[in-house]
Structures are given as structure tokens and as C-alpha cells.
Amino acid sequence: MEYLAVLLALATTAMANDTAENVATLQAKFVTAGEACIEEYPISGEDITLFKSGQFPDSEHAGCFSACVLRNIGLFDDKGSLYQPDNLEKATEIFNEEKEIETIKELISTCAKVNEETVTDGEKGCERAKLLFHCFVENSK
């Protein structure tokens, strides 16, 4: 679950102008989504250390865990691609506050370019999740 803390730290950075309460609510939703992924895609202590330092581990589980979380929160489709801002039906079931939805749409608009990148894992989404992580890091500075 410490990986989620890293992912959430990025979300918090991206939501720097948001209230602490809204950030906490968003973080809780990421944690809930991640709990369903941790057994199938375990990440190591080394992976966690790398995530905490803002680096994405090269292990397949890190990417696949990330892809699983992104699917669970409605940001990735079944083909391992990032949904577009106008197609967030599942995400709006999880993120129901207008501010949350707007923040998600902004991040997706900024990082939609990851869908154009060539990946070798097909529809798994593991590599694309890594690309998205890097995009979030770049755009949260």
C-alpha cells in the first residue's frame, strides 16, 4: 500500500490548489482501488523505495499494479489505454465531487499522449501505466 502513498502524493501535488479535505477523500478512493490489486500484483520493498523517490521501478508488477489501480478507478479501459476526458463514466462512479472530476479530466488531458506511445505488453496496460506515472511526475512539478 505504500506505493499508493506515492501515487497519492503525486495526485496531491497535482491538486495543490485543492483543499486538504478533498485531497484526503481522493486519496482514500485510490487506497480502496489499490487493495483489490495488491494480491495479484505484489510490489517489493525495493519498488516502494523507488516509488517514494519519484522513480518508477522496472519490475513488471509495479506497472501491472498501477494499471490495475487505474482500471479500478476508471482511468484505464480494458485495452490498457487511458480513457479520454469525455469518457469517464466509471470514474464518475468513484469520483463524484465536481472538483475531483475536473482534476482527473485535467490530468488526463495533459497525459493523453501516453495512448499514442508504442508498448510491447498489448492490452495489459503495465507499460502504459508507467508512462502515465512519468507524465504525472513531469506535470506535477
N, C-alpha and C. Protein backbone atom coordinates (compact mmCIF):
# COMPACT_ATOMS: atom_id res chain seq x y z
N MET A 1 0.80 -1.20 0.00
CA MET A 1 0.00 0.00 0.00
C MET A 1 0.85 1.27 0.00
N GLU A 2 2.15 1.14 0.32
CA GLU A 2 2.99 2.33 0.31
C GLU A 2 3.11 2.89 -1.10
N TYR A 3 3.00 2.04 -2.12
CA TYR A 3 3.03 2.54 -3.49
C TYR A 3 1.91 3.55 -3.66
N LEU A 4 0.75 3.23 -3.10
CA LEU A 4 -0.38 4.14 -3.22
C LEU A 4 -0.05 5.48 -2.59
N ALA A 5 0.72 5.47 -1.53
CA ALA A 5 1.11 6.74 -0.91
C ALA A 5 1.89 7.59 -1.89
N VAL A 6 2.73 6.95 -2.70
CA VAL A 6 3.49 7.68 -3.71
C VAL A 6 2.55 8.21 -4.79
N LEU A 7 1.68 7.33 -5.28
CA LEU A 7 0.72 7.75 -6.29
C LEU A 7 -0.14 8.88 -5.76
N LEU A 8 -0.54 8.76 -4.52
CA LEU A 8 -1.37 9.79 -3.92
C LEU A 8 -0.60 11.08 -3.69
N ALA A 9 0.68 10.97 -3.40
CA ALA A 9 1.49 12.18 -3.26
C ALA A 9 1.52 12.93 -4.58
N LEU A 10 1.60 12.20 -5.68
CA LEU A 10 1.56 12.85 -6.99
C LEU A 10 0.20 13.50 -7.23
N ALA A 11 -0.86 12.79 -6.87
CA ALA A 11 -2.19 13.36 -7.02
C ALA A 11 -2.34 14.61 -6.15
N THR A 12 -1.77 14.56 -4.95
CA THR A 12 -1.82 15.70 -4.05
C THR A 12 -1.07 16.89 -4.65
N THR A 13 0.09 16.62 -5.23
CA THR A 13 0.86 17.69 -5.87
C THR A 13 0.07 18.30 -7.01
N ALA A 14 -0.56 17.45 -7.79
CA ALA A 14 -1.34 17.92 -8.92
C ALA A 14 -2.55 18.73 -8.46
N MET A 15 -3.00 18.45 -7.24
CA MET A 15 -4.17 19.14 -6.70
C MET A 15 -3.75 20.19 -5.67
N ALA A 16 -2.61 20.80 -5.88
CA ALA A 16 -2.04 21.72 -4.89
C ALA A 16 -2.99 22.83 -4.47
N ASN A 17 -3.86 23.24 -5.34
CA ASN A 17 -4.79 24.33 -5.02
C ASN A 17 -6.09 23.83 -4.40
N ASP A 18 -6.19 22.54 -4.19
CA ASP A 18 -7.40 21.95 -3.64
C ASP A 18 -7.33 21.94 -2.11
N THR A 19 -8.44 21.70 -1.47
CA THR A 19 -8.47 21.67 -0.01
C THR A 19 -7.93 20.34 0.49
N ALA A 20 -7.43 20.34 1.72
CA ALA A 20 -6.89 19.12 2.33
C ALA A 20 -7.98 18.05 2.42
N GLU A 21 -9.20 18.46 2.67
CA GLU A 21 -10.31 17.51 2.78
C GLU A 21 -10.56 16.81 1.44
N ASN A 22 -10.55 17.56 0.35
CA ASN A 22 -10.77 16.96 -0.97
C ASN A 22 -9.63 16.01 -1.33
N VAL A 23 -8.41 16.40 -1.00
CA VAL A 23 -7.26 15.54 -1.28
C VAL A 23 -7.36 14.25 -0.49
N ALA A 24 -7.74 14.34 0.79
CA ALA A 24 -7.89 13.15 1.64
C ALA A 24 -8.96 12.22 1.09
N THR A 25 -10.05 12.79 0.60
CA THR A 25 -11.12 11.98 0.02
C THR A 25 -10.63 11.25 -1.23
N LEU A 26 -9.90 11.96 -2.07
CA LEU A 26 -9.36 11.36 -3.29
C LEU A 26 -8.37 10.26 -2.94
N GLN A 27 -7.52 10.50 -1.96
CA GLN A 27 -6.54 9.51 -1.54
C GLN A 27 -7.22 8.24 -1.04
N ALA A 28 -8.28 8.38 -0.27
CA ALA A 28 -8.99 7.21 0.25
C ALA A 28 -9.55 6.36 -0.90
N LYS A 29 -9.98 7.00 -1.94
CA LYS A 29 -10.53 6.29 -3.09
C LYS A 29 -9.43 5.51 -3.82
N PHE A 30 -8.23 6.09 -3.92
CA PHE A 30 -7.11 5.37 -4.53
C PHE A 30 -6.72 4.16 -3.69
N VAL A 31 -6.71 4.30 -2.38
CA VAL A 31 -6.34 3.19 -1.49
C VAL A 31 -7.33 2.04 -1.65
N THR A 32 -8.61 2.35 -1.67
CA THR A 32 -9.64 1.33 -1.83
C THR A 32 -9.45 0.59 -3.15
N ALA A 33 -9.19 1.33 -4.21
CA ALA A 33 -8.98 0.71 -5.52
C ALA A 33 -7.74 -0.16 -5.52
N GLY A 34 -6.69 0.25 -4.82
CA GLY A 34 -5.44 -0.49 -4.79
C GLY A 34 -5.50 -1.77 -4.00
N GLU A 35 -6.36 -1.81 -2.99
CA GLU A 35 -6.47 -3.01 -2.16
C GLU A 35 -6.87 -4.22 -2.99
N ALA A 36 -7.62 -3.99 -4.05
CA ALA A 36 -8.06 -5.10 -4.91
C ALA A 36 -6.94 -5.59 -5.82
N CYS A 37 -5.84 -4.85 -5.92
CA CYS A 37 -4.76 -5.19 -6.86
C CYS A 37 -3.52 -5.78 -6.20
N ILE A 38 -3.32 -5.52 -4.93
CA ILE A 38 -2.05 -5.84 -4.29
C ILE A 38 -1.75 -7.34 -4.26
N GLU A 39 -2.76 -8.18 -4.13
CA GLU A 39 -2.52 -9.62 -4.09
C GLU A 39 -2.07 -10.16 -5.45
N GLU A 40 -2.74 -9.71 -6.49
CA GLU A 40 -2.42 -10.20 -7.82
C GLU A 40 -1.10 -9.62 -8.35
N TYR A 41 -0.81 -8.39 -7.95
CA TYR A 41 0.40 -7.72 -8.43
C TYR A 41 1.20 -7.17 -7.25
N PRO A 42 1.84 -8.06 -6.50
CA PRO A 42 2.61 -7.60 -5.34
C PRO A 42 3.82 -6.78 -5.78
N ILE A 43 4.15 -5.79 -4.98
CA ILE A 43 5.34 -4.98 -5.26
C ILE A 43 6.31 -5.16 -4.11
N SER A 44 7.59 -5.05 -4.41
CA SER A 44 8.64 -5.32 -3.43
C SER A 44 8.97 -4.07 -2.62
N GLY A 45 9.74 -4.27 -1.57
CA GLY A 45 10.23 -3.16 -0.78
C GLY A 45 11.10 -2.23 -1.61
N GLU A 46 11.88 -2.82 -2.50
CA GLU A 46 12.72 -2.00 -3.39
C GLU A 46 11.84 -1.15 -4.33
N ASP A 47 10.76 -1.76 -4.83
CA ASP A 47 9.82 -1.00 -5.67
C ASP A 47 9.27 0.20 -4.89
N ILE A 48 8.90 -0.06 -3.65
CA ILE A 48 8.33 1.00 -2.82
C ILE A 48 9.34 2.12 -2.61
N THR A 49 10.60 1.76 -2.36
CA THR A 49 11.65 2.76 -2.18
C THR A 49 11.80 3.62 -3.43
N LEU A 50 11.79 2.97 -4.59
CA LEU A 50 11.91 3.72 -5.84
C LEU A 50 10.71 4.64 -6.05
N PHE A 51 9.50 4.13 -5.81
CA PHE A 51 8.31 4.97 -5.94
C PHE A 51 8.41 6.20 -5.04
N LYS A 52 8.83 5.98 -3.81
CA LYS A 52 8.93 7.09 -2.85
C LYS A 52 9.91 8.16 -3.32
N SER A 53 10.92 7.75 -4.10
CA SER A 53 11.89 8.72 -4.59
C SER A 53 11.45 9.33 -5.93
N GLY A 54 10.24 9.01 -6.36
CA GLY A 54 9.71 9.57 -7.60
C GLY A 54 10.17 8.83 -8.84
N GLN A 55 10.67 7.62 -8.66
CA GLN A 55 11.12 6.80 -9.79
C GLN A 55 10.19 5.61 -9.94
N PHE A 56 10.02 5.19 -11.17
CA PHE A 56 9.17 4.03 -11.43
C PHE A 56 10.05 2.80 -11.58
N PRO A 57 9.82 1.76 -10.76
CA PRO A 57 10.64 0.53 -10.84
C PRO A 57 10.48 -0.14 -12.20
N ASP A 58 11.50 -0.89 -12.58
CA ASP A 58 11.46 -1.61 -13.85
C ASP A 58 10.77 -2.98 -13.74
N SER A 59 10.26 -3.31 -12.58
CA SER A 59 9.59 -4.61 -12.44
C SER A 59 8.22 -4.59 -13.10
N GLU A 60 7.83 -5.73 -13.65
CA GLU A 60 6.53 -5.83 -14.31
C GLU A 60 5.39 -5.61 -13.32
N HIS A 61 5.57 -6.09 -12.09
CA HIS A 61 4.49 -5.96 -11.11
C HIS A 61 4.16 -4.51 -10.80
N ALA A 62 5.16 -3.65 -10.79
CA ALA A 62 4.90 -2.24 -10.49
C ALA A 62 3.97 -1.64 -11.54
N GLY A 63 4.26 -1.91 -12.80
CA GLY A 63 3.43 -1.39 -13.87
C GLY A 63 2.05 -2.02 -13.89
N CYS A 64 2.00 -3.33 -13.67
CA CYS A 64 0.72 -4.03 -13.69
C CYS A 64 -0.14 -3.66 -12.48
N PHE A 65 0.50 -3.46 -11.34
CA PHE A 65 -0.24 -2.99 -10.17
C PHE A 65 -0.83 -1.62 -10.47
N SER A 66 -0.03 -0.74 -11.05
CA SER A 66 -0.51 0.60 -11.40
C SER A 66 -1.66 0.53 -12.39
N ALA A 67 -1.53 -0.32 -13.41
CA ALA A 67 -2.59 -0.47 -14.40
C ALA A 67 -3.88 -0.98 -13.75
N CYS A 68 -3.74 -1.91 -12.83
CA CYS A 68 -4.90 -2.45 -12.12
C CYS A 68 -5.62 -1.35 -11.34
N VAL A 69 -4.85 -0.54 -10.62
CA VAL A 69 -5.44 0.57 -9.86
C VAL A 69 -6.14 1.53 -10.82
N LEU A 70 -5.48 1.84 -11.92
CA LEU A 70 -6.06 2.78 -12.88
C LEU A 70 -7.35 2.23 -13.49
N ARG A 71 -7.41 0.91 -13.71
CA ARG A 71 -8.66 0.30 -14.19
C ARG A 71 -9.75 0.40 -13.11
N ASN A 72 -9.37 0.11 -11.88
CA ASN A 72 -10.35 0.12 -10.79
C ASN A 72 -10.94 1.49 -10.52
N ILE A 73 -10.18 2.53 -10.80
CA ILE A 73 -10.72 3.88 -10.57
C ILE A 73 -11.30 4.49 -11.84
N GLY A 74 -11.31 3.70 -12.91
CA GLY A 74 -11.97 4.14 -14.13
C GLY A 74 -11.15 5.03 -15.03
N LEU A 75 -9.83 5.01 -14.90
CA LEU A 75 -9.00 5.84 -15.77
C LEU A 75 -8.40 5.05 -16.93
N PHE A 76 -8.31 3.73 -16.79
CA PHE A 76 -7.83 2.86 -17.88
C PHE A 76 -8.99 2.00 -18.35
N ASP A 77 -9.03 1.75 -19.65
CA ASP A 77 -10.05 0.86 -20.18
C ASP A 77 -9.53 -0.59 -20.19
N ASP A 78 -10.33 -1.51 -20.69
CA ASP A 78 -9.95 -2.92 -20.71
C ASP A 78 -8.82 -3.22 -21.69
N LYS A 79 -8.49 -2.28 -22.53
CA LYS A 79 -7.41 -2.47 -23.51
C LYS A 79 -6.11 -1.84 -23.02
N GLY A 80 -6.07 -1.40 -21.76
CA GLY A 80 -4.85 -0.84 -21.20
C GLY A 80 -4.54 0.56 -21.68
N SER A 81 -5.56 1.30 -22.06
CA SER A 81 -5.38 2.68 -22.52
C SER A 81 -6.07 3.64 -21.57
N LEU A 82 -5.55 4.84 -21.54
CA LEU A 82 -6.12 5.90 -20.72
C LEU A 82 -7.41 6.38 -21.37
N TYR A 83 -8.48 6.43 -20.58
CA TYR A 83 -9.73 6.98 -21.08
C TYR A 83 -9.54 8.45 -21.41
N GLN A 84 -10.33 8.94 -22.33
CA GLN A 84 -10.31 10.35 -22.67
C GLN A 84 -11.20 11.12 -21.69
N PRO A 85 -10.96 12.42 -21.51
CA PRO A 85 -11.74 13.20 -20.52
C PRO A 85 -13.24 13.14 -20.71
N ASP A 86 -13.72 12.94 -21.94
CA ASP A 86 -15.17 12.90 -22.17
C ASP A 86 -15.74 11.49 -22.01
N ASN A 87 -14.92 10.54 -21.61
CA ASN A 87 -15.37 9.15 -21.46
C ASN A 87 -14.95 8.61 -20.08
N LEU A 88 -15.46 9.23 -19.06
CA LEU A 88 -15.08 8.87 -17.70
C LEU A 88 -16.26 8.35 -16.90
N GLU A 89 -17.11 7.57 -17.53
CA GLU A 89 -18.31 7.10 -16.85
C GLU A 89 -17.99 6.32 -15.58
N LYS A 90 -17.05 5.38 -15.66
CA LYS A 90 -16.70 4.59 -14.48
C LYS A 90 -16.04 5.47 -13.42
N ALA A 91 -15.19 6.38 -13.87
CA ALA A 91 -14.51 7.26 -12.92
C ALA A 91 -15.51 8.13 -12.16
N THR A 92 -16.57 8.55 -12.83
CA THR A 92 -17.55 9.40 -12.15
C THR A 92 -18.37 8.62 -11.13
N GLU A 93 -18.33 7.28 -11.21
CA GLU A 93 -18.97 6.48 -10.17
C GLU A 93 -18.13 6.49 -8.90
N ILE A 94 -16.82 6.65 -9.05
CA ILE A 94 -15.91 6.65 -7.92
C ILE A 94 -15.64 8.07 -7.44
N PHE A 95 -15.37 8.96 -8.39
CA PHE A 95 -15.11 10.36 -8.06
C PHE A 95 -16.38 11.14 -8.34
N ASN A 96 -17.11 11.48 -7.30
CA ASN A 96 -18.40 12.11 -7.52
C ASN A 96 -18.42 13.60 -7.22
N GLU A 97 -17.35 14.12 -6.67
CA GLU A 97 -17.28 15.56 -6.44
C GLU A 97 -16.82 16.24 -7.72
N GLU A 98 -17.45 17.34 -8.06
CA GLU A 98 -17.12 18.05 -9.29
C GLU A 98 -15.64 18.44 -9.36
N LYS A 99 -15.06 18.86 -8.24
CA LYS A 99 -13.65 19.25 -8.21
C LYS A 99 -12.75 18.05 -8.52
N GLU A 100 -13.09 16.88 -7.97
CA GLU A 100 -12.32 15.66 -8.25
C GLU A 100 -12.36 15.33 -9.74
N ILE A 101 -13.55 15.39 -10.30
CA ILE A 101 -13.73 15.05 -11.71
C ILE A 101 -12.95 16.02 -12.59
N GLU A 102 -13.00 17.31 -12.26
CA GLU A 102 -12.26 18.30 -13.04
C GLU A 102 -10.75 18.06 -12.96
N THR A 103 -10.26 17.72 -11.77
CA THR A 103 -8.83 17.44 -11.60
C THR A 103 -8.43 16.23 -12.43
N ILE A 104 -9.24 15.18 -12.39
CA ILE A 104 -8.96 13.97 -13.17
C ILE A 104 -8.96 14.31 -14.66
N LYS A 105 -9.94 15.08 -15.10
CA LYS A 105 -10.00 15.47 -16.52
C LYS A 105 -8.76 16.25 -16.94
N GLU A 106 -8.30 17.15 -16.08
CA GLU A 106 -7.10 17.93 -16.40
C GLU A 106 -5.88 17.03 -16.53
N LEU A 107 -5.71 16.10 -15.59
CA LEU A 107 -4.58 15.19 -15.66
C LEU A 107 -4.64 14.32 -16.92
N ILE A 108 -5.83 13.85 -17.25
CA ILE A 108 -5.98 13.01 -18.43
C ILE A 108 -5.71 13.81 -19.70
N SER A 109 -6.22 15.03 -19.76
CA SER A 109 -5.97 15.86 -20.94
C SER A 109 -4.48 16.09 -21.14
N THR A 110 -3.78 16.37 -20.06
CA THR A 110 -2.35 16.62 -20.12
C THR A 110 -1.58 15.38 -20.53
N CYS A 111 -2.01 14.23 -20.05
CA CYS A 111 -1.23 12.99 -20.24
C CYS A 111 -1.83 12.04 -21.27
N ALA A 112 -2.82 12.47 -22.02
CA ALA A 112 -3.45 11.60 -23.02
C ALA A 112 -2.47 11.11 -24.07
N LYS A 113 -1.35 11.78 -24.19
CA LYS A 113 -0.32 11.38 -25.17
C LYS A 113 0.21 9.98 -24.91
N VAL A 114 0.02 9.45 -23.70
CA VAL A 114 0.52 8.09 -23.42
C VAL A 114 -0.18 7.05 -24.28
N ASN A 115 -1.38 7.35 -24.74
CA ASN A 115 -2.11 6.40 -25.60
C ASN A 115 -1.47 6.28 -26.98
N GLU A 116 -0.68 7.25 -27.37
CA GLU A 116 -0.05 7.24 -28.68
C GLU A 116 1.31 6.52 -28.67
N GLU A 117 1.81 6.25 -27.48
CA GLU A 117 3.11 5.59 -27.34
C GLU A 117 3.00 4.11 -27.68
N THR A 118 4.04 3.56 -28.29
CA THR A 118 4.10 2.14 -28.60
C THR A 118 4.50 1.38 -27.34
N VAL A 119 3.74 0.34 -27.03
CA VAL A 119 4.04 -0.53 -25.89
C VAL A 119 4.11 -1.97 -26.38
N THR A 120 4.84 -2.79 -25.64
CA THR A 120 5.02 -4.19 -26.06
C THR A 120 4.17 -5.17 -25.26
N ASP A 121 3.43 -4.69 -24.29
CA ASP A 121 2.63 -5.61 -23.47
C ASP A 121 1.16 -5.66 -23.87
N GLY A 122 0.86 -5.14 -25.04
CA GLY A 122 -0.51 -5.23 -25.55
C GLY A 122 -1.52 -4.53 -24.67
N GLU A 123 -2.57 -5.28 -24.33
CA GLU A 123 -3.68 -4.70 -23.58
C GLU A 123 -3.51 -4.79 -22.06
N LYS A 124 -2.37 -5.31 -21.60
CA LYS A 124 -2.16 -5.42 -20.16
C LYS A 124 -2.13 -4.04 -19.50
N GLY A 125 -1.55 -3.07 -20.18
CA GLY A 125 -1.52 -1.70 -19.66
C GLY A 125 -0.38 -1.40 -18.71
N CYS A 126 0.46 -2.38 -18.44
CA CYS A 126 1.54 -2.20 -17.47
C CYS A 126 2.54 -1.13 -17.92
N GLU A 127 2.94 -1.20 -19.18
CA GLU A 127 3.89 -0.22 -19.69
C GLU A 127 3.26 1.16 -19.81
N ARG A 128 2.00 1.20 -20.21
CA ARG A 128 1.31 2.49 -20.33
C ARG A 128 1.12 3.14 -18.96
N ALA A 129 0.90 2.32 -17.95
CA ALA A 129 0.78 2.85 -16.59
C ALA A 129 2.08 3.53 -16.17
N LYS A 130 3.20 2.93 -16.55
CA LYS A 130 4.50 3.53 -16.25
C LYS A 130 4.64 4.86 -16.98
N LEU A 131 4.24 4.91 -18.23
CA LEU A 131 4.28 6.16 -18.99
C LEU A 131 3.42 7.23 -18.33
N LEU A 132 2.26 6.81 -17.85
CA LEU A 132 1.36 7.75 -17.19
C LEU A 132 1.96 8.26 -15.89
N PHE A 133 2.59 7.39 -15.13
CA PHE A 133 3.26 7.79 -13.89
C PHE A 133 4.28 8.89 -14.20
N HIS A 134 5.11 8.65 -15.22
CA HIS A 134 6.12 9.64 -15.59
C HIS A 134 5.47 10.96 -16.02
N CYS A 135 4.37 10.89 -16.74
CA CYS A 135 3.67 12.09 -17.15
C CYS A 135 3.15 12.85 -15.93
N PHE A 136 2.55 12.12 -14.98
CA PHE A 136 2.08 12.76 -13.75
C PHE A 136 3.22 13.43 -13.01
N VAL A 137 4.36 12.75 -12.92
CA VAL A 137 5.52 13.32 -12.22
C VAL A 137 5.97 14.60 -12.93
N GLU A 138 6.12 14.53 -14.24
CA GLU A 138 6.55 15.69 -15.01
C GLU A 138 5.63 16.88 -14.85
N ASN A 139 4.35 16.61 -14.82
CA ASN A 139 3.36 17.70 -14.79
C ASN A 139 2.93 18.09 -13.38
N SER A 140 3.57 17.51 -12.39
CA SER A 140 3.26 17.86 -11.00
C SER A 140 4.38 18.70 -10.39
N LYS A 141 5.36 19.06 -11.19
CA LYS A 141 6.49 19.84 -10.68
C LYS A 141 6.17 21.31 -10.68
